[in-house]
Amino acid sequence: MTISVRPIAYFAALTSKRALRWLFAAAVLAAVAAPDTADAARRARIVRAGAYDGVWNVAFATTAGSCSSTNSVPFTVSGRRVSSAGGGKVRGGIGRGGSVAVTISVGASRASGSGRLVGNSGAGRWSGIISGDRCSGIWQATRTGGF
């Protein structure tokens, strides 16, 4: 078996410009050879319907306005729907990646909120008119039970 010096000499004589071209070409080939990698990452961010099913305890904190400083309310998540697990009328849904949007009304009071659920917890912002006062704040959620 003989080893040719010619290929070794070729790589030894690479200039930095030529080496960058080879690296670029290798990166392009790797990207073309593995297109499913980006698709898999995108699919991982899309949460299946039902991933958040269960009862969630949501604690609201007021940061602006003269509403009650804290309040806690249970919600039920089933598939992509959010509904009341206690009093009041709740409408809302879970979107891709755990994004959540909800509207709550109890008597003349009404509030809406949005945020994100991840695993067994979540957080976001809310605003509304509670007992005639305009208020807003933050919310945090914890799943307390599953289906």
C-alpha atoms as a PDB file:
ATOM      1  CA  MET A   1       0.000   0.000   0.000  1.00  0.00           C
ATOM      2  CA  THR A   2       1.369   3.382  -0.983  1.00  0.00           C
ATOM      3  CA  ILE A   3       0.321   6.747   0.331  1.00  0.00           C
ATOM      4  CA  SER A   4       0.342   9.555  -2.139  1.00  0.00           C
ATOM      5  CA  VAL A   5       1.789  12.828  -0.964  1.00  0.00           C
ATOM      6  CA  ARG A   6      -0.312  14.771  -3.455  1.00  0.00           C
ATOM      7  CA  PRO A   7      -3.663  14.869  -1.464  1.00  0.00           C
ATOM      8  CA  ILE A   8      -1.842  15.677   1.757  1.00  0.00           C
ATOM      9  CA  ALA A   9       0.055  18.487   0.073  1.00  0.00           C
ATOM     10  CA  TYR A  10      -3.251  19.838  -1.317  1.00  0.00           C
ATOM     11  CA  PHE A  11      -4.768  20.225   2.165  1.00  0.00           C
ATOM     12  CA  ALA A  12      -1.532  21.545   3.642  1.00  0.00           C
ATOM     13  CA  ALA A  13      -1.519  24.345   1.060  1.00  0.00           C
ATOM     14  CA  LEU A  14      -5.064  25.524   1.892  1.00  0.00           C
ATOM     15  CA  THR A  15      -5.245  29.245   2.397  1.00  0.00           C
ATOM     16  CA  SER A  16      -7.643  30.653   4.965  1.00  0.00           C
ATOM     17  CA  LYS A  17      -9.930  31.812   2.149  1.00  0.00           C
ATOM     18  CA  ARG A  18     -10.004  28.365   0.577  1.00  0.00           C
ATOM     19  CA  ALA A  19     -10.542  26.736   3.995  1.00  0.00           C
ATOM     20  CA  LEU A  20     -13.538  29.009   4.620  1.00  0.00           C
ATOM     21  CA  ARG A  21     -15.004  27.971   1.267  1.00  0.00           C
ATOM     22  CA  TRP A  22     -14.629  24.308   2.211  1.00  0.00           C
ATOM     23  CA  LEU A  23     -16.252  24.928   5.594  1.00  0.00           C
ATOM     24  CA  PHE A  24     -19.121  26.797   3.935  1.00  0.00           C
ATOM     25  CA  ALA A  25     -19.612  24.005   1.393  1.00  0.00           C
ATOM     26  CA  ALA A  26     -19.605  21.402   4.183  1.00  0.00           C
ATOM     27  CA  ALA A  27     -22.187  23.400   6.151  1.00  0.00           C
ATOM     28  CA  VAL A  28     -24.451  23.702   3.100  1.00  0.00           C
ATOM     29  CA  LEU A  29     -24.166  19.973   2.436  1.00  0.00           C
ATOM     30  CA  ALA A  30     -24.991  19.203   6.073  1.00  0.00           C
ATOM     31  CA  ALA A  31     -28.055  21.466   5.933  1.00  0.00           C
ATOM     32  CA  VAL A  32     -29.265  19.865   2.712  1.00  0.00           C
ATOM     33  CA  ALA A  33     -28.609  16.356   3.995  1.00  0.00           C
ATOM     34  CA  ALA A  34     -30.578  16.907   7.239  1.00  0.00           C
ATOM     35  CA  PRO A  35     -33.673  19.026   6.472  1.00  0.00           C
ATOM     36  CA  ASP A  36     -35.741  17.122   9.052  1.00  0.00           C
ATOM     37  CA  THR A  37     -33.746  18.659  11.895  1.00  0.00           C
ATOM     38  CA  ALA A  38     -35.476  22.051  11.531  1.00  0.00           C
ATOM     39  CA  ASP A  39     -38.841  20.346  11.057  1.00  0.00           C
ATOM     40  CA  ALA A  40     -38.331  18.293  14.215  1.00  0.00           C
ATOM     41  CA  ALA A  41     -37.480  21.416  16.214  1.00  0.00           C
ATOM     42  CA  ARG A  42     -40.602  23.157  14.901  1.00  0.00           C
ATOM     43  CA  ARG A  43     -42.783  20.132  15.699  1.00  0.00           C
ATOM     44  CA  ALA A  44     -41.355  19.990  19.243  1.00  0.00           C
ATOM     45  CA  ARG A  45     -42.679  23.521  19.896  1.00  0.00           C
ATOM     46  CA  ILE A  46     -46.218  22.553  18.817  1.00  0.00           C
ATOM     47  CA  VAL A  47     -48.030  21.133  21.802  1.00  0.00           C
ATOM     48  CA  ARG A  48     -50.530  18.372  21.199  1.00  0.00           C
ATOM     49  CA  ALA A  49     -54.146  19.004  22.159  1.00  0.00           C
ATOM     50  CA  GLY A  50     -54.709  17.724  25.684  1.00  0.00           C
ATOM     51  CA  ALA A  51     -51.148  18.301  26.900  1.00  0.00           C
ATOM     52  CA  TYR A  52     -52.485  20.708  29.543  1.00  0.00           C
ATOM     53  CA  ASP A  53     -55.665  18.858  30.528  1.00  0.00           C
ATOM     54  CA  GLY A  54     -56.612  19.156  34.179  1.00  0.00           C
ATOM     55  CA  VAL A  55     -57.549  21.635  36.876  1.00  0.00           C
ATOM     56  CA  TRP A  56     -55.342  24.687  37.213  1.00  0.00           C
ATOM     57  CA  ASN A  57     -55.208  27.076  40.153  1.00  0.00           C
ATOM     58  CA  VAL A  58     -54.630  30.594  38.832  1.00  0.00           C
ATOM     59  CA  ALA A  59     -53.465  33.335  41.204  1.00  0.00           C
ATOM     60  CA  PHE A  60     -54.062  36.907  40.018  1.00  0.00           C
ATOM     61  CA  ALA A  61     -52.072  39.857  41.383  1.00  0.00           C
ATOM     62  CA  THR A  62     -53.069  43.469  40.718  1.00  0.00           C
ATOM     63  CA  THR A  63     -50.221  45.773  39.701  1.00  0.00           C
ATOM     64  CA  ALA A  64     -52.286  48.788  38.543  1.00  0.00           C
ATOM     65  CA  GLY A  65     -55.687  49.993  39.752  1.00  0.00           C
ATOM     66  CA  SER A  66     -57.578  49.657  43.017  1.00  0.00           C
ATOM     67  CA  CYS A  67     -58.854  46.083  42.616  1.00  0.00           C
ATOM     68  CA  SER A  68     -58.248  43.393  45.215  1.00  0.00           C
ATOM     69  CA  SER A  69     -54.492  42.825  45.436  1.00  0.00           C
ATOM     70  CA  THR A  70     -54.649  39.023  45.013  1.00  0.00           C
ATOM     71  CA  ASN A  71     -57.261  36.491  44.030  1.00  0.00           C
ATOM     72  CA  SER A  72     -57.150  32.792  43.198  1.00  0.00           C
ATOM     73  CA  VAL A  73     -59.516  30.977  40.821  1.00  0.00           C
ATOM     74  CA  PRO A  74     -59.611  27.374  39.528  1.00  0.00           C
ATOM     75  CA  PHE A  75     -59.855  26.730  35.790  1.00  0.00           C
ATOM     76  CA  THR A  76     -60.339  23.530  33.830  1.00  0.00           C
ATOM     77  CA  VAL A  77     -58.391  22.795  30.659  1.00  0.00           C
ATOM     78  CA  SER A  78     -59.734  20.145  28.320  1.00  0.00           C
ATOM     79  CA  GLY A  79     -58.073  19.757  24.942  1.00  0.00           C
ATOM     80  CA  ARG A  80     -57.597  23.319  23.699  1.00  0.00           C
ATOM     81  CA  ARG A  81     -60.509  24.769  25.732  1.00  0.00           C
ATOM     82  CA  VAL A  82     -60.293  26.673  29.002  1.00  0.00           C
ATOM     83  CA  SER A  83     -63.426  26.821  31.181  1.00  0.00           C
ATOM     84  CA  SER A  84     -64.490  27.601  34.736  1.00  0.00           C
ATOM     85  CA  ALA A  85     -63.904  25.057  37.489  1.00  0.00           C
ATOM     86  CA  GLY A  86     -65.804  27.301  39.915  1.00  0.00           C
ATOM     87  CA  GLY A  87     -67.955  30.434  39.627  1.00  0.00           C
ATOM     88  CA  GLY A  88     -68.101  32.871  36.754  1.00  0.00           C
ATOM     89  CA  LYS A  89     -68.113  32.523  33.008  1.00  0.00           C
ATOM     90  CA  VAL A  90     -64.774  31.635  31.441  1.00  0.00           C
ATOM     91  CA  ARG A  91     -63.979  31.382  27.745  1.00  0.00           C
ATOM     92  CA  GLY A  92     -60.594  30.752  26.310  1.00  0.00           C
ATOM     93  CA  GLY A  93     -58.200  28.472  24.572  1.00  0.00           C
ATOM     94  CA  ILE A  94     -54.738  27.006  24.424  1.00  0.00           C
ATOM     95  CA  GLY A  95     -52.760  27.634  21.238  1.00  0.00           C
ATOM     96  CA  ARG A  96     -49.525  26.364  19.780  1.00  0.00           C
ATOM     97  CA  GLY A  97     -46.645  26.137  22.177  1.00  0.00           C
ATOM     98  CA  GLY A  98     -48.902  26.570  25.236  1.00  0.00           C
ATOM     99  CA  SER A  99     -50.043  30.134  24.520  1.00  0.00           C
ATOM    100  CA  VAL A 100     -53.285  30.838  26.362  1.00  0.00           C
ATOM    101  CA  ALA A 101     -55.945  33.565  26.053  1.00  0.00           C
ATOM    102  CA  VAL A 102     -58.938  33.781  28.412  1.00  0.00           C
ATOM    103  CA  THR A 103     -61.905  36.078  29.065  1.00  0.00           C
ATOM    104  CA  ILE A 104     -63.594  35.953  32.482  1.00  0.00           C
ATOM    105  CA  SER A 105     -66.866  37.577  33.485  1.00  0.00           C
ATOM    106  CA  VAL A 106     -68.605  37.573  36.851  1.00  0.00           C
ATOM    107  CA  GLY A 107     -71.638  39.843  37.044  1.00  0.00           C
ATOM    108  CA  ALA A 108     -70.594  43.291  35.768  1.00  0.00           C
ATOM    109  CA  SER A 109     -66.874  42.529  36.199  1.00  0.00           C
ATOM    110  CA  ARG A 110     -64.914  41.414  33.168  1.00  0.00           C
ATOM    111  CA  ALA A 111     -61.236  40.690  32.573  1.00  0.00           C
ATOM    112  CA  SER A 112     -59.085  39.160  29.877  1.00  0.00           C
ATOM    113  CA  GLY A 113     -55.664  37.652  30.107  1.00  0.00           C
ATOM    114  CA  SER A 114     -52.985  36.024  28.040  1.00  0.00           C
ATOM    115  CA  GLY A 115     -49.772  34.179  28.678  1.00  0.00           C
ATOM    116  CA  ARG A 116     -48.144  30.795  28.318  1.00  0.00           C
ATOM    117  CA  LEU A 117     -48.390  27.383  29.971  1.00  0.00           C
ATOM    118  CA  VAL A 118     -45.276  25.218  30.183  1.00  0.00           C
ATOM    119  CA  GLY A 119     -45.485  21.783  31.779  1.00  0.00           C
ATOM    120  CA  ASN A 120     -47.415  22.158  35.040  1.00  0.00           C
ATOM    121  CA  SER A 121     -47.122  25.932  35.428  1.00  0.00           C
ATOM    122  CA  GLY A 122     -47.820  29.136  33.566  1.00  0.00           C
ATOM    123  CA  ALA A 123     -47.760  32.926  33.769  1.00  0.00           C
ATOM    124  CA  GLY A 124     -49.000  36.000  31.968  1.00  0.00           C
ATOM    125  CA  ARG A 125     -50.753  39.364  32.163  1.00  0.00           C
ATOM    126  CA  TRP A 126     -54.386  40.373  32.638  1.00  0.00           C
ATOM    127  CA  SER A 127     -56.500  43.546  32.476  1.00  0.00           C
ATOM    128  CA  GLY A 128     -60.130  44.405  32.960  1.00  0.00           C
ATOM    129  CA  ILE A 129     -62.840  46.278  34.843  1.00  0.00           C
ATOM    130  CA  ILE A 130     -63.524  44.768  38.240  1.00  0.00           C
ATOM    131  CA  SER A 131     -66.421  46.251  40.256  1.00  0.00           C
ATOM    132  CA  GLY A 132     -66.201  49.410  38.130  1.00  0.00           C
ATOM    133  CA  ASP A 133     -62.439  49.914  38.575  1.00  0.00           C
ATOM    134  CA  ARG A 134     -60.000  49.536  35.672  1.00  0.00           C
ATOM    135  CA  CYS A 135     -57.182  47.251  36.782  1.00  0.00           C
ATOM    136  CA  SER A 136     -54.368  45.135  35.395  1.00  0.00           C
ATOM    137  CA  GLY A 137     -51.731  42.781  36.664  1.00  0.00           C
ATOM    138  CA  ILE A 138     -50.043  39.449  36.347  1.00  0.00           C
ATOM    139  CA  TRP A 139     -51.149  35.859  36.846  1.00  0.00           C
ATOM    140  CA  GLN A 140     -49.436  32.592  37.724  1.00  0.00           C
ATOM    141  CA  ALA A 141     -50.921  29.134  37.290  1.00  0.00           C
ATOM    142  CA  THR A 142     -50.172  25.701  38.696  1.00  0.00           C
ATOM    143  CA  ARG A 143     -51.780  22.463  37.585  1.00  0.00           C
ATOM    144  CA  THR A 144     -53.372  20.885  40.665  1.00  0.00           C
ATOM    145  CA  GLY A 145     -54.908  17.828  39.043  1.00  0.00           C
ATOM    146  CA  GLY A 146     -55.054  15.982  35.762  1.00  0.00           C
ATOM    147  CA  PHE A 147     -57.756  14.104  33.950  1.00  0.00           C
END
